[in-house]
Amino acid sequence: MNSSTTVAADDSAAAARSAADRPERSGARRALLWTAGTITAATGILLAVGSFLGLYVRPTSDDWCAAWKSRDMGVFGITSDFYNTQNGRVTNAFLSGIIYSDGLAGIKILPVILVVTMGIGLVLIGREILRAFGTRAPLLLLVAVAMVLETLLFFAGTRSYQVLLWTPATISHTMPFIIALWALLFGIWAFRTGRKALRNSALVLTAVVGFAIGTLSEPFTVVSCVLVGTAALVCLPRLKVARSWYPFTWSAVYCAAAVIGLTFLYTSPGARWRRAQTPPTKMSVGDVFKDYFHIWDTILHQWIYLGAIAAGLLLGLAVALLAPRRESAAARPPAAMLRVIFVLPVPLMALCTLLVAYALRSGYGPTGWTYARTWMNFMIPLVIALCGYGVLLGHWAGRRIAERRAPRLVPIVATVLVGAFALSATAALVPSVQKLAVSTVYRSIAWDKQNAKIRSEIAKGETDVAYKPMYIGSLAEPFFTKNYQRDWVAQCTSKFYGVDRIHKP
């Protein structure tokens, strides 16, 4: 038998095996796509509601200050004010100046921008990670996974209003991740092109982004430097995880720029002034760990976060069951890399949480741990890590199903059960989203009515107007303290309306 005959026979055998696999894969594919479509629809409704609620957002707490400063000082004026007299967060101030520059329009459209940019970014980074392992997954499934993660991040915590609808918090604790994510995507694309000019441009952009984040959010700077710094060490070529110096260089540039930015912030006149207002209190290691355990106790009581693992399981099953055999085999990471991927997230997340707990205790005292909006700085990578563990587990289970040629119903049943759990996690968030919607809409109606009344009084020449506090999202409102001179919210509200003073009705 000659070589051509042997090759033809091998091809025929491969075709026969592929045909035998086709019914199994066809059933699994339909089940995965139907499940992904259902999850996408369910999470899409919740995210659409959250985005739509942006239209009903009205000023509260720090909004009052940012709004009048952006209006009266302009973008660069508020940036200078933050650097010299507030906290040194110049990028934070710059973004605030842009968002509040057109009155309240910016804070109304910001939630939908956050949801869309984070969702697309998560889908694209998921596709790039799969491509790095030589495999792929249906786009609809990647969209479903990304939307599950978004739903958990925005609605599963204890401060949903603050992490999605309250602009000052989203600028400080949600937006930094999105900015860093898109910078990472550009770096990956530049690396894949192989063009030196594009790679250098990506490094320059990374330096700019790193400095910007260093002057945007102290907690995210610390968390991201821990994660990216660890990635830099893992990507050293001698460890054979990365084949070139570019991943290490990109990570090192980001960390260096972020540290420079944080130093710029910390040494600013505004940061020195803020530290002088709240002198450091005595703090023991036990105090920090007490807050640390408070945070984790709160998180672990939220079983809903297991939905991230379920979403990852679906993705892992899809990679193992739908990809061709050669791709599924290529998707198996080397043993050394697999150990790194499996082990590293746990200590890194523990360290990041501890650092945020320390910062909160330093800045806000014994009640600092309750500022759950700041948890987004480590909750985002934590939820992504949970999803990653789900992918590994799902890929392992899918390979076992495929290798043992289990009955056709096995992958279908597995898909439906995992999808049902992910859907149950989504469904459990419906009451909190409903509560968020009701409180936001009702407040906007009452706020608009009072705002019209105040504007009418000002038009008649009043310089001291009545304002009834309208609390939402556990945020401060005017008259939160009896001393008017120390009531910064009331003073910012009066400047927002252009009057000398406000008083209770």
Protein backbone atom coordinates (compact mmCIF):
# COMPACT_ATOMS: atom_id res chain seq x y z
CA MET A 1 0.00 0.00 0.00
CA ASN A 2 1.53 3.34 -1.06
CA SER A 3 1.61 6.52 1.03
CA SER A 4 -1.22 8.23 -0.86
CA THR A 5 -3.51 5.28 -0.17
CA THR A 6 -2.57 5.41 3.53
CA VAL A 7 -3.30 9.15 3.72
CA ALA A 8 -6.65 8.65 2.00
CA ALA A 9 -7.56 5.89 4.43
CA ASP A 10 -6.60 8.07 7.40
CA ASP A 11 -8.69 10.95 6.02
CA SER A 12 -11.66 8.63 5.54
CA ALA A 13 -11.33 7.36 9.10
CA ALA A 14 -11.14 10.92 10.42
CA ALA A 15 -14.21 11.86 8.41
CA ALA A 16 -16.05 8.85 9.78
CA ARG A 17 -15.14 9.76 13.34
CA SER A 18 -16.25 13.36 12.71
CA ALA A 19 -19.55 12.13 11.32
CA ALA A 20 -20.03 9.94 14.37
CA ASP A 21 -19.41 12.90 16.62
CA ARG A 22 -21.74 15.19 14.68
CA PRO A 23 -25.05 14.15 16.32
CA GLU A 24 -23.53 14.54 19.79
CA ARG A 25 -22.07 17.93 19.00
CA SER A 26 -25.21 19.05 17.22
CA GLY A 27 -27.35 18.32 20.28
CA ALA A 28 -24.84 19.87 22.67
CA ARG A 29 -24.49 22.94 20.46
CA ARG A 30 -28.25 23.49 20.31
CA ALA A 31 -28.54 23.09 24.08
CA LEU A 32 -25.66 25.49 24.72
CA LEU A 33 -26.96 28.11 22.29
CA TRP A 34 -30.53 27.90 23.62
CA THR A 35 -29.24 28.18 27.17
CA ALA A 36 -26.96 31.08 26.25
CA GLY A 37 -29.81 32.83 24.47
CA THR A 38 -32.11 32.46 27.47
CA ILE A 39 -29.44 33.75 29.86
CA THR A 40 -28.66 36.67 27.53
CA ALA A 41 -32.33 37.64 27.40
CA ALA A 42 -32.77 37.40 31.19
CA THR A 43 -29.63 39.33 32.10
CA GLY A 44 -30.23 41.74 29.23
CA ILE A 45 -33.55 42.76 30.75
CA LEU A 46 -31.97 43.52 34.12
CA LEU A 47 -29.07 45.43 32.59
CA ALA A 48 -31.45 47.33 30.32
CA VAL A 49 -33.51 48.36 33.35
CA GLY A 50 -30.37 49.49 35.17
CA SER A 51 -29.23 51.49 32.15
CA PHE A 52 -32.68 53.02 31.64
CA LEU A 53 -32.75 54.14 35.27
CA GLY A 54 -29.97 56.55 34.39
CA LEU A 55 -32.68 58.82 32.99
CA TYR A 56 -34.10 59.12 36.51
CA VAL A 57 -30.82 59.88 38.28
CA ARG A 58 -30.78 63.19 40.14
CA PRO A 59 -27.99 64.87 42.17
CA THR A 60 -27.14 63.74 45.67
CA SER A 61 -24.08 63.92 47.93
CA ASP A 62 -20.91 64.63 45.89
CA ASP A 63 -23.02 65.28 42.78
CA TRP A 64 -23.92 68.70 44.13
CA CYS A 65 -20.26 69.76 44.39
CA ALA A 66 -19.13 68.29 41.08
CA ALA A 67 -22.08 69.80 39.23
CA TRP A 68 -21.61 73.40 40.32
CA LYS A 69 -17.82 73.29 40.02
CA SER A 70 -17.99 71.88 36.49
CA ARG A 71 -20.51 74.57 35.55
CA ASP A 72 -18.69 77.52 37.12
CA MET A 73 -15.04 76.48 36.80
CA GLY A 74 -15.03 74.41 33.63
CA VAL A 75 -13.18 71.13 33.05
CA PHE A 76 -9.71 72.48 33.75
CA GLY A 77 -10.92 74.61 36.62
CA ILE A 78 -12.36 71.68 38.54
CA THR A 79 -9.21 69.67 37.74
CA SER A 80 -7.06 72.42 39.28
CA ASP A 81 -9.42 72.64 42.25
CA PHE A 82 -9.12 68.91 42.97
CA TYR A 83 -5.34 69.05 42.74
CA ASN A 84 -4.93 72.09 44.97
CA THR A 85 -7.76 71.94 47.50
CA GLN A 86 -9.61 68.59 47.43
CA ASN A 87 -7.81 65.26 47.08
CA GLY A 88 -5.31 65.38 44.21
CA ARG A 89 -7.35 63.09 41.93
CA VAL A 90 -6.81 65.12 38.76
CA THR A 91 -8.05 62.44 36.34
CA ASN A 92 -11.10 61.95 38.53
CA ALA A 93 -11.77 65.70 38.40
CA PHE A 94 -11.16 65.86 34.64
CA LEU A 95 -13.70 63.10 33.98
CA SER A 96 -16.16 64.73 36.39
CA GLY A 97 -15.77 68.02 34.54
CA ILE A 98 -16.63 66.32 31.26
CA ILE A 99 -19.58 64.32 32.61
CA TYR A 100 -21.16 67.26 34.48
CA SER A 101 -20.34 69.83 31.78
CA ASP A 102 -23.83 69.71 30.28
CA GLY A 103 -25.83 69.90 33.46
CA LEU A 104 -27.39 66.57 34.40
CA ALA A 105 -27.26 65.01 30.92
CA GLY A 106 -23.95 63.26 31.57
CA ILE A 107 -25.01 61.48 34.75
CA LYS A 108 -28.13 60.24 32.98
CA ILE A 109 -26.34 58.54 30.09
CA LEU A 110 -23.30 57.32 32.06
CA PRO A 111 -24.93 54.05 33.31
CA VAL A 112 -25.65 52.81 29.78
CA ILE A 113 -22.10 53.73 28.71
CA LEU A 114 -20.68 51.74 31.62
CA VAL A 115 -22.84 48.69 30.89
CA VAL A 116 -22.08 48.67 27.16
CA THR A 117 -18.33 49.34 27.37
CA MET A 118 -17.80 46.81 30.16
CA GLY A 119 -19.88 44.18 28.39
CA ILE A 120 -18.13 44.53 25.04
CA GLY A 121 -14.75 44.61 26.76
CA LEU A 122 -15.47 41.38 28.66
CA VAL A 123 -16.62 39.64 25.47
CA LEU A 124 -13.51 40.69 23.58
CA ILE A 125 -11.08 39.76 26.36
CA GLY A 126 -12.81 36.39 26.70
CA ARG A 127 -12.34 35.79 22.98
CA GLU A 128 -8.66 36.79 23.21
CA ILE A 129 -8.03 34.43 26.13
CA LEU A 130 -9.60 31.52 24.25
CA ARG A 131 -7.59 32.41 21.17
CA ALA A 132 -4.39 32.35 23.25
CA PHE A 133 -5.19 28.73 24.10
CA GLY A 134 -5.92 27.91 20.48
CA THR A 135 -9.67 27.48 20.75
CA ARG A 136 -12.92 29.41 20.44
CA ALA A 137 -16.55 29.51 21.57
CA PRO A 138 -19.81 30.78 20.06
CA LEU A 139 -20.14 34.56 20.30
CA LEU A 140 -23.60 34.25 21.86
CA LEU A 141 -22.12 32.22 24.71
CA LEU A 142 -19.39 34.81 25.32
CA VAL A 143 -22.06 37.52 25.41
CA ALA A 144 -24.13 35.50 27.90
CA VAL A 145 -21.13 34.99 30.19
CA ALA A 146 -20.18 38.67 30.06
CA MET A 147 -23.74 39.73 30.87
CA VAL A 148 -23.96 37.36 33.82
CA LEU A 149 -20.77 38.86 35.23
CA GLU A 150 -22.07 42.40 34.71
CA THR A 151 -25.39 41.58 36.34
CA LEU A 152 -23.64 40.19 39.40
CA LEU A 153 -21.27 43.14 39.66
CA PHE A 154 -23.94 45.81 39.37
CA PHE A 155 -26.81 44.23 41.28
CA ALA A 156 -25.57 41.50 43.65
CA GLY A 157 -23.78 43.79 46.09
CA THR A 158 -25.14 45.84 48.96
CA ARG A 159 -24.81 49.23 47.18
CA SER A 160 -26.31 48.77 43.71
CA TYR A 161 -27.25 52.43 43.38
CA GLN A 162 -23.73 53.57 44.14
CA VAL A 163 -21.89 51.18 41.81
CA LEU A 164 -24.07 51.86 38.75
CA LEU A 165 -26.10 55.05 39.09
CA TRP A 166 -24.12 57.36 41.38
CA THR A 167 -21.59 59.09 39.14
CA PRO A 168 -18.85 59.96 41.70
CA ALA A 169 -18.60 56.30 42.74
CA THR A 170 -18.68 54.93 39.19
CA ILE A 171 -15.91 57.33 38.16
CA SER A 172 -13.73 56.23 41.08
CA HIS A 173 -14.48 52.52 41.33
CA THR A 174 -16.15 51.21 38.15
CA MET A 175 -14.64 53.26 35.34
CA PRO A 176 -10.96 52.48 36.18
CA PHE A 177 -11.46 48.79 35.41
CA ILE A 178 -13.13 49.58 32.08
CA ILE A 179 -10.31 51.95 31.08
CA ALA A 180 -7.64 49.40 32.04
CA LEU A 181 -9.53 46.60 30.26
CA TRP A 182 -9.61 48.48 26.95
CA ALA A 183 -5.95 49.45 27.30
CA LEU A 184 -5.15 45.74 27.78
CA LEU A 185 -7.18 44.83 24.69
CA PHE A 186 -5.29 47.37 22.61
CA GLY A 187 -2.02 45.97 23.94
CA ILE A 188 -3.04 42.43 22.96
CA TRP A 189 -4.10 43.50 19.47
CA ALA A 190 -0.86 45.44 19.00
CA PHE A 191 1.16 42.39 20.08
CA ARG A 192 -0.69 40.11 17.70
CA THR A 193 -0.07 42.34 14.67
CA GLY A 194 3.67 42.05 15.18
CA ARG A 195 4.17 45.66 14.07
CA LYS A 196 6.79 47.44 16.13
CA ALA A 197 5.20 50.88 15.69
CA LEU A 198 1.84 49.62 16.92
CA ARG A 199 3.43 47.86 19.88
CA ASN A 200 5.27 51.04 20.85
CA SER A 201 2.02 52.99 20.54
CA ALA A 202 0.37 50.48 22.87
CA LEU A 203 3.14 50.97 25.42
CA VAL A 204 2.76 54.75 25.24
CA LEU A 205 -1.00 54.40 25.70
CA THR A 206 -0.41 52.06 28.63
CA ALA A 207 1.85 54.63 30.28
CA VAL A 208 -0.82 57.31 29.87
CA VAL A 209 -3.55 55.00 31.18
CA GLY A 210 -1.41 53.90 34.11
CA PHE A 211 -0.72 57.49 35.18
CA ALA A 212 -4.39 58.39 34.69
CA ILE A 213 -5.53 55.51 36.89
CA GLY A 214 -2.94 56.44 39.51
CA THR A 215 -4.61 59.86 39.74
CA LEU A 216 -8.12 58.49 39.41
CA SER A 217 -8.59 55.85 42.11
CA GLU A 218 -6.15 54.93 44.88
CA PRO A 219 -7.74 51.52 45.70
CA PHE A 220 -7.90 50.40 42.08
CA THR A 221 -4.31 51.53 41.56
CA VAL A 222 -3.17 49.29 44.41
CA VAL A 223 -5.31 46.32 43.32
CA SER A 224 -4.37 46.58 39.65
CA CYS A 225 -0.66 46.91 40.43
CA VAL A 226 -0.81 43.77 42.57
CA LEU A 227 -2.51 41.84 39.75
CA VAL A 228 -0.54 43.29 36.83
CA GLY A 229 2.73 43.11 38.77
CA THR A 230 2.14 39.42 39.41
CA ALA A 231 1.34 38.95 35.72
CA ALA A 232 4.65 40.64 34.86
CA LEU A 233 6.55 38.12 36.97
CA VAL A 234 4.63 35.18 35.53
CA CYS A 235 5.29 36.43 31.99
CA LEU A 236 9.08 36.47 32.34
CA PRO A 237 10.28 34.50 29.29
CA ARG A 238 12.48 32.20 31.35
CA LEU A 239 9.32 30.81 32.99
CA LYS A 240 8.14 29.80 29.48
CA VAL A 241 4.59 31.08 30.00
CA ALA A 242 5.20 33.94 27.54
CA ARG A 243 7.51 33.62 24.54
CA SER A 244 8.57 37.26 24.28
CA TRP A 245 9.38 40.20 26.55
CA TYR A 246 6.38 42.24 25.38
CA PRO A 247 3.83 41.03 28.02
CA PHE A 248 6.38 41.71 30.78
CA THR A 249 7.23 45.12 29.33
CA TRP A 250 3.57 46.08 28.99
CA SER A 251 2.86 45.08 32.59
CA ALA A 252 5.97 46.84 33.92
CA VAL A 253 5.12 50.05 32.05
CA TYR A 254 1.59 50.04 33.48
CA CYS A 255 2.76 49.47 37.06
CA ALA A 256 5.50 52.10 36.84
CA ALA A 257 3.12 54.71 35.39
CA ALA A 258 0.41 53.91 37.96
CA VAL A 259 2.90 54.27 40.84
CA ILE A 260 4.08 57.60 39.43
CA GLY A 261 0.48 58.76 39.16
CA LEU A 262 -0.30 57.66 42.71
CA THR A 263 2.79 59.49 43.96
CA PHE A 264 1.69 62.60 42.08
CA LEU A 265 -1.70 62.33 43.78
CA TYR A 266 -0.34 61.62 47.25
CA THR A 267 2.05 64.57 47.23
CA SER A 268 -0.49 67.06 45.85
CA PRO A 269 -1.62 70.04 47.98
CA GLY A 270 -5.19 68.72 47.86
CA ALA A 271 -4.21 65.31 49.24
CA ARG A 272 -2.17 66.93 52.00
CA TRP A 273 -5.15 69.12 52.89
CA ARG A 274 -7.48 66.11 52.99
CA ARG A 275 -5.14 64.15 55.24
CA ALA A 276 -4.98 67.15 57.58
CA GLN A 277 -8.79 67.12 57.91
CA THR A 278 -8.84 63.49 59.05
CA PRO A 279 -5.71 62.85 61.13
CA PRO A 280 -4.71 59.16 61.19
CA THR A 281 -6.18 57.17 64.05
CA LYS A 282 -4.51 54.37 65.95
CA MET A 283 -5.03 51.14 64.12
CA SER A 284 -3.96 47.62 65.00
CA VAL A 285 -3.50 44.61 62.77
CA GLY A 286 -6.51 43.10 64.53
CA ASP A 287 -8.66 46.06 63.47
CA VAL A 288 -7.74 45.58 59.83
CA PHE A 289 -8.43 41.85 59.91
CA LYS A 290 -11.75 42.49 61.68
CA ASP A 291 -12.83 44.67 58.76
CA TYR A 292 -11.39 42.12 56.35
CA PHE A 293 -13.54 39.34 57.82
CA HIS A 294 -16.59 41.64 57.83
CA ILE A 295 -16.14 42.13 54.10
CA TRP A 296 -15.72 38.44 53.32
CA ASP A 297 -18.60 37.51 55.60
CA THR A 298 -20.83 39.82 53.58
CA ILE A 299 -19.59 38.44 50.27
CA LEU A 300 -19.87 34.77 51.25
CA HIS A 301 -23.46 35.27 52.36
CA GLN A 302 -24.27 36.24 48.76
CA TRP A 303 -24.66 32.81 47.12
CA ILE A 304 -25.63 34.65 43.96
CA TYR A 305 -21.95 35.14 43.12
CA LEU A 306 -21.83 31.40 42.37
CA GLY A 307 -23.61 32.39 39.17
CA ALA A 308 -20.19 33.47 37.89
CA ILE A 309 -18.93 29.90 38.30
CA ALA A 310 -22.02 28.59 36.48
CA ALA A 311 -21.41 30.99 33.58
CA GLY A 312 -17.81 29.79 33.41
CA LEU A 313 -18.95 26.17 33.46
CA LEU A 314 -21.07 26.78 30.37
CA LEU A 315 -18.13 28.36 28.57
CA GLY A 316 -15.81 25.51 29.56
CA LEU A 317 -18.34 22.92 28.38
CA ALA A 318 -18.68 24.72 25.08
CA VAL A 319 -14.92 24.77 24.51
CA ALA A 320 -14.62 21.06 25.26
CA LEU A 321 -17.75 19.84 23.45
CA LEU A 322 -18.00 22.09 20.41
CA ALA A 323 -14.40 22.73 19.39
CA PRO A 324 -12.76 20.20 17.04
CA ARG A 325 -10.73 17.51 18.80
CA ARG A 326 -7.40 19.11 17.89
CA GLU A 327 -8.56 22.49 19.25
CA SER A 328 -9.89 20.96 22.44
CA ALA A 329 -6.53 19.26 23.00
CA ALA A 330 -4.66 22.50 22.23
CA ALA A 331 -6.84 24.32 24.74
CA ARG A 332 -5.32 22.31 27.59
CA PRO A 333 -2.79 24.60 29.25
CA PRO A 334 0.64 23.16 30.11
CA ALA A 335 0.76 21.62 33.57
CA ALA A 336 2.90 24.46 34.98
CA MET A 337 0.60 27.13 33.60
CA LEU A 338 -2.47 25.25 34.83
CA ARG A 339 -1.08 25.24 38.36
CA VAL A 340 -0.41 28.97 38.15
CA ILE A 341 -3.90 29.70 36.82
CA PHE A 342 -5.50 27.54 39.48
CA VAL A 343 -3.50 28.62 42.52
CA LEU A 344 -2.70 32.33 42.05
CA PRO A 345 -6.20 33.93 42.14
CA VAL A 346 -6.90 32.83 45.72
CA PRO A 347 -3.93 34.52 47.46
CA LEU A 348 -4.13 37.52 45.12
CA MET A 349 -7.80 38.13 45.89
CA ALA A 350 -7.14 37.69 49.60
CA LEU A 351 -4.30 40.23 49.43
CA CYS A 352 -6.31 42.74 47.37
CA THR A 353 -9.22 42.56 49.80
CA LEU A 354 -6.89 43.04 52.74
CA LEU A 355 -5.28 46.11 51.14
CA VAL A 356 -8.68 47.69 50.45
CA ALA A 357 -9.78 46.93 54.03
CA TYR A 358 -6.61 48.61 55.33
CA ALA A 359 -7.22 51.68 53.14
CA LEU A 360 -10.85 51.96 54.26
CA ARG A 361 -9.90 51.64 57.94
CA SER A 362 -7.22 54.32 57.43
CA GLY A 363 -9.54 56.73 55.65
CA TYR A 364 -12.90 56.16 57.31
CA GLY A 365 -12.21 54.53 60.65
CA PRO A 366 -14.13 51.57 62.15
CA THR A 367 -17.07 51.93 59.75
CA GLY A 368 -14.89 52.09 56.65
CA TRP A 369 -15.55 48.49 55.63
CA THR A 370 -19.21 49.37 55.01
CA TYR A 371 -18.28 51.54 52.00
CA ALA A 372 -19.18 48.71 49.67
CA ARG A 373 -18.91 50.83 46.54
CA THR A 374 -15.13 50.62 46.95
CA TRP A 375 -15.34 46.82 46.93
CA MET A 376 -15.75 47.00 43.15
CA ASN A 377 -11.98 47.44 43.00
CA PHE A 378 -11.48 43.81 44.00
CA MET A 379 -14.97 42.42 43.31
CA ILE A 380 -14.51 42.79 39.55
CA PRO A 381 -11.36 40.62 39.42
CA LEU A 382 -12.90 38.28 42.02
CA VAL A 383 -16.01 37.64 39.92
CA ILE A 384 -13.84 37.16 36.82
CA ALA A 385 -11.67 34.70 38.78
CA LEU A 386 -14.75 32.73 39.82
CA CYS A 387 -15.78 32.57 36.18
CA GLY A 388 -12.28 31.35 35.30
CA TYR A 389 -12.52 28.53 37.82
CA GLY A 390 -15.84 27.61 36.25
CA VAL A 391 -14.24 27.50 32.80
CA LEU A 392 -11.52 25.14 34.00
CA LEU A 393 -14.05 22.88 35.71
CA GLY A 394 -16.40 22.96 32.72
CA HIS A 395 -13.60 22.16 30.29
CA TRP A 396 -12.48 19.25 32.45
CA ALA A 397 -16.03 17.88 32.65
CA GLY A 398 -16.63 18.40 28.94
CA ARG A 399 -13.45 16.52 28.04
CA ARG A 400 -14.49 13.60 30.25
CA ILE A 401 -17.90 13.51 28.55
CA ALA A 402 -16.33 13.64 25.09
CA GLU A 403 -13.56 11.12 25.76
CA ARG A 404 -15.88 8.54 27.30
CA ARG A 405 -18.46 9.03 24.53
CA ALA A 406 -21.26 9.48 27.03
CA PRO A 407 -24.86 9.17 25.83
CA ARG A 408 -26.09 12.11 23.79
CA LEU A 409 -28.34 13.35 26.58
CA VAL A 410 -25.50 13.73 29.10
CA PRO A 411 -24.01 17.00 27.71
CA ILE A 412 -27.50 18.33 27.09
CA VAL A 413 -28.64 17.63 30.65
CA ALA A 414 -25.38 19.05 32.04
CA THR A 415 -25.84 22.22 30.00
CA VAL A 416 -29.46 22.67 31.08
CA LEU A 417 -28.67 22.14 34.76
CA VAL A 418 -25.75 24.59 34.76
CA GLY A 419 -27.79 27.10 32.78
CA ALA A 420 -30.69 26.74 35.19
CA PHE A 421 -28.40 27.59 38.11
CA ALA A 422 -27.06 30.66 36.30
CA LEU A 423 -30.63 31.71 35.57
CA SER A 424 -31.66 31.19 39.20
CA ALA A 425 -28.84 33.51 40.28
CA THR A 426 -30.12 36.09 37.81
CA ALA A 427 -33.71 35.63 38.94
CA ALA A 428 -32.69 36.12 42.58
CA LEU A 429 -31.59 39.65 41.65
CA VAL A 430 -34.99 40.70 40.33
CA PRO A 431 -36.32 41.97 43.71
CA SER A 432 -33.23 44.13 44.30
CA VAL A 433 -33.45 45.57 40.78
CA GLN A 434 -37.15 46.25 41.31
CA LYS A 435 -36.43 48.00 44.60
CA LEU A 436 -33.68 50.03 42.93
CA ALA A 437 -36.02 51.06 40.12
CA VAL A 438 -38.86 52.08 42.43
CA SER A 439 -36.67 54.17 44.73
CA THR A 440 -34.86 55.86 41.84
CA VAL A 441 -38.00 56.74 39.88
CA TYR A 442 -39.95 57.95 42.92
CA ARG A 443 -37.06 60.14 44.04
CA SER A 444 -36.71 61.66 40.58
CA ILE A 445 -40.40 62.62 40.54
CA ALA A 446 -40.20 64.22 43.98
CA TRP A 447 -36.86 65.86 43.15
CA ASP A 448 -38.18 67.39 39.93
CA LYS A 449 -41.18 68.80 41.76
CA GLN A 450 -39.03 70.35 44.49
CA ASN A 451 -36.48 71.60 41.95
CA ALA A 452 -39.22 73.40 40.00
CA LYS A 453 -40.42 75.04 43.22
CA ILE A 454 -36.89 76.15 44.17
CA ARG A 455 -36.26 77.55 40.69
CA SER A 456 -39.52 79.47 40.88
CA GLU A 457 -38.55 81.00 44.24
CA ILE A 458 -35.10 81.96 42.94
CA ALA A 459 -36.70 83.64 39.93
CA LYS A 460 -38.64 85.81 42.40
CA GLY A 461 -35.40 86.90 44.08
CA GLU A 462 -35.16 84.48 47.00
CA THR A 463 -31.63 83.89 48.28
CA ASP A 464 -32.49 81.43 51.08
CA VAL A 465 -34.63 78.55 49.82
CA ALA A 466 -36.13 75.48 51.46
CA TYR A 467 -34.75 72.06 50.54
CA LYS A 468 -36.15 68.80 51.82
CA PRO A 469 -33.50 66.03 51.95
CA MET A 470 -34.23 63.10 49.62
CA TYR A 471 -32.09 60.16 50.64
CA ILE A 472 -31.18 57.35 48.30
CA GLY A 473 -28.48 54.71 48.15
CA SER A 474 -27.25 55.38 51.72
CA LEU A 475 -25.74 58.67 50.50
CA ALA A 476 -25.45 62.02 52.24
CA GLU A 477 -27.95 64.81 51.66
CA PRO A 478 -28.10 68.40 52.98
CA PHE A 479 -28.55 68.71 56.76
CA PHE A 480 -26.75 65.46 57.50
CA THR A 481 -25.11 67.40 60.34
CA LYS A 482 -26.51 70.07 62.67
CA ASN A 483 -23.54 72.37 62.12
CA TYR A 484 -24.29 74.18 58.86
CA GLN A 485 -20.70 75.36 58.48
CA ARG A 486 -19.54 71.74 58.40
CA ASP A 487 -22.42 70.66 56.16
CA TRP A 488 -20.53 70.52 52.88
CA VAL A 489 -23.50 68.94 51.07
CA ALA A 490 -25.80 71.85 51.98
CA GLN A 491 -23.18 74.38 50.93
CA CYS A 492 -22.63 72.66 47.58
CA THR A 493 -26.40 72.48 47.08
CA SER A 494 -26.76 76.22 47.69
CA LYS A 495 -23.99 76.91 45.16
CA PHE A 496 -25.65 74.56 42.69
CA TYR A 497 -28.79 76.69 42.91
CA GLY A 498 -26.88 79.96 43.14
CA VAL A 499 -28.32 81.06 46.50
CA ASP A 500 -26.73 82.17 49.74
CA ARG A 501 -28.22 79.43 51.89
CA ILE A 502 -30.72 76.59 52.04
CA HIS A 503 -32.86 75.56 54.99
CA LYS A 504 -35.22 72.78 55.93
CA PRO A 505 -38.88 73.33 55.02
